[in-house]
């Protein structure tokens, strides 16, 4: 039974859920150092026990809004070194980050490694 899935350094551009077939017990998913631009909404359905999601050093410009509907077991998301866009809107692009903060989900962000494209 797989509880930790390490897919770091694989040049993955998109995660659609098919990679995670029969991994409903995974609690730790490491997607660090890939080329991920987006995560398919099925990922949280396929991994209902996911507690930690590592997305460091990818190509994310924003976090998917469906994460706010993720299982309550999700406790940590690491999103360092991604080229996030910033429009400074509380209801727009960064609404998911605000929701995560309000839900007491631990987010590790290294401010010095943050890249903001304007």
Protein backbone atom coordinates (compact mmCIF):
# COMPACT_ATOMS: atom_id res chain seq x y z
CA UNK A 1 0.00 0.00 0.00
CA UNK A 2 1.52 3.30 -1.15
CA UNK A 3 1.41 6.17 1.35
CA UNK A 4 4.09 8.45 -0.13
CA UNK A 5 4.44 9.12 -3.84
CA UNK A 6 7.58 10.89 -5.03
CA UNK A 7 7.36 12.16 -8.61
CA UNK A 8 10.01 14.88 -8.31
CA UNK A 9 12.39 15.72 -11.17
CA UNK A 10 10.41 14.00 -13.92
CA UNK A 11 9.62 16.93 -16.26
CA UNK A 12 5.90 16.38 -15.73
CA UNK A 13 3.89 19.24 -17.24
CA UNK A 14 0.38 18.26 -16.19
CA UNK A 15 -1.04 15.96 -13.56
CA UNK A 16 -4.44 14.64 -14.63
CA UNK A 17 -5.00 11.90 -12.08
CA UNK A 18 -4.26 8.91 -14.32
CA UNK A 19 -0.75 8.78 -12.85
CA UNK A 20 -2.30 8.10 -9.48
CA UNK A 21 -4.39 5.04 -10.33
CA UNK A 22 -5.18 3.03 -7.17
CA UNK A 23 -3.39 5.43 -4.84
CA UNK A 24 -6.28 6.36 -2.59
CA UNK A 25 -4.15 5.84 0.52
CA UNK A 26 -1.43 8.31 -0.48
CA UNK A 27 -0.98 10.97 2.19
CA UNK A 28 2.21 12.59 0.81
CA UNK A 29 2.65 13.66 -2.83
CA UNK A 30 5.91 15.23 -3.98
CA UNK A 31 5.79 16.92 -7.40
CA UNK A 32 8.83 19.11 -6.80
CA UNK A 33 11.07 20.24 -9.69
CA UNK A 34 8.79 19.36 -12.58
CA UNK A 35 7.12 21.57 -15.19
CA UNK A 36 3.62 21.46 -13.68
CA UNK A 37 1.43 24.36 -14.78
CA UNK A 38 -1.90 22.96 -13.59
CA UNK A 39 -3.37 20.14 -11.51
CA UNK A 40 -6.49 18.33 -12.64
CA UNK A 41 -9.44 18.46 -10.22
CA UNK A 42 -9.58 14.64 -10.16
CA UNK A 43 -6.36 14.53 -8.17
CA UNK A 44 -8.12 15.25 -4.89
CA UNK A 45 -10.80 12.70 -5.71
CA UNK A 46 -8.25 10.00 -6.46
CA UNK A 47 -6.20 10.83 -3.36
CA UNK A 48 -8.80 11.54 -0.65
CA UNK A 49 -6.26 10.93 2.13
CA UNK A 50 -3.74 13.46 0.83
CA UNK A 51 -2.25 15.45 3.73
CA UNK A 52 0.89 16.98 2.21
CA UNK A 53 1.32 18.29 -1.33
CA UNK A 54 4.74 19.54 -2.48
CA UNK A 55 4.64 21.72 -5.61
CA UNK A 56 7.96 23.55 -5.24
CA UNK A 57 9.91 24.63 -8.32
CA UNK A 58 7.26 24.16 -10.98
CA UNK A 59 5.49 26.53 -13.40
CA UNK A 60 2.37 27.31 -11.40
CA UNK A 61 1.04 30.80 -12.02
CA UNK A 62 -1.88 30.32 -9.63
CA UNK A 63 -3.23 27.63 -7.34
CA UNK A 64 -6.26 25.76 -8.66
CA UNK A 65 -9.46 27.05 -7.08
CA UNK A 66 -10.81 23.52 -6.64
CA UNK A 67 -8.30 22.98 -3.81
CA UNK A 68 -10.72 24.81 -1.53
CA UNK A 69 -13.02 21.80 -1.96
CA UNK A 70 -10.19 19.37 -1.17
CA UNK A 71 -10.59 16.83 1.61
CA UNK A 72 -10.17 18.18 5.13
CA UNK A 73 -7.14 15.91 5.57
CA UNK A 74 -5.00 18.26 3.45
CA UNK A 75 -2.77 20.04 5.96
CA UNK A 76 0.32 21.28 4.12
CA UNK A 77 1.07 22.67 0.69
CA UNK A 78 4.55 23.78 -0.29
CA UNK A 79 4.60 26.12 -3.30
CA UNK A 80 8.07 27.70 -3.29
CA UNK A 81 9.79 28.83 -6.49
CA UNK A 82 6.81 29.10 -8.79
CA UNK A 83 6.20 32.09 -11.11
CA UNK A 84 2.92 33.17 -9.48
CA UNK A 85 1.02 36.07 -11.02
CA UNK A 86 -0.10 38.74 -8.62
CA UNK A 87 -3.12 40.93 -9.26
CA UNK A 88 -3.53 41.75 -5.54
CA UNK A 89 -7.23 40.89 -5.69
CA UNK A 90 -8.77 39.20 -2.68
CA UNK A 91 -11.58 37.76 -4.75
CA UNK A 92 -9.65 37.05 -7.92
CA UNK A 93 -6.53 35.11 -8.65
CA UNK A 94 -5.35 34.68 -5.05
CA UNK A 95 -8.70 33.74 -3.52
CA UNK A 96 -7.49 30.17 -2.92
CA UNK A 97 -4.45 31.34 -0.96
CA UNK A 98 -6.69 33.44 1.28
CA UNK A 99 -9.03 30.49 1.77
CA UNK A 100 -6.14 28.23 2.73
CA UNK A 101 -4.94 30.74 5.29
CA UNK A 102 -8.40 31.10 6.79
CA UNK A 103 -8.74 27.32 7.02
CA UNK A 104 -5.47 27.06 8.94
CA UNK A 105 -3.80 25.01 6.23
CA UNK A 106 -0.06 25.33 6.67
CA UNK A 107 1.58 26.90 3.62
CA UNK A 108 5.32 27.05 3.37
CA UNK A 109 6.42 29.93 1.20
CA UNK A 110 9.96 31.21 0.92
CA UNK A 111 9.31 34.87 0.12
CA UNK A 112 12.84 35.38 -1.15
CA UNK A 113 12.41 32.65 -3.75
CA UNK A 114 9.03 33.94 -4.95
CA UNK A 115 8.97 35.06 -8.60
CA UNK A 116 6.24 37.52 -9.48
CA UNK A 117 5.63 38.34 -13.14
CA UNK A 118 4.03 41.71 -13.69
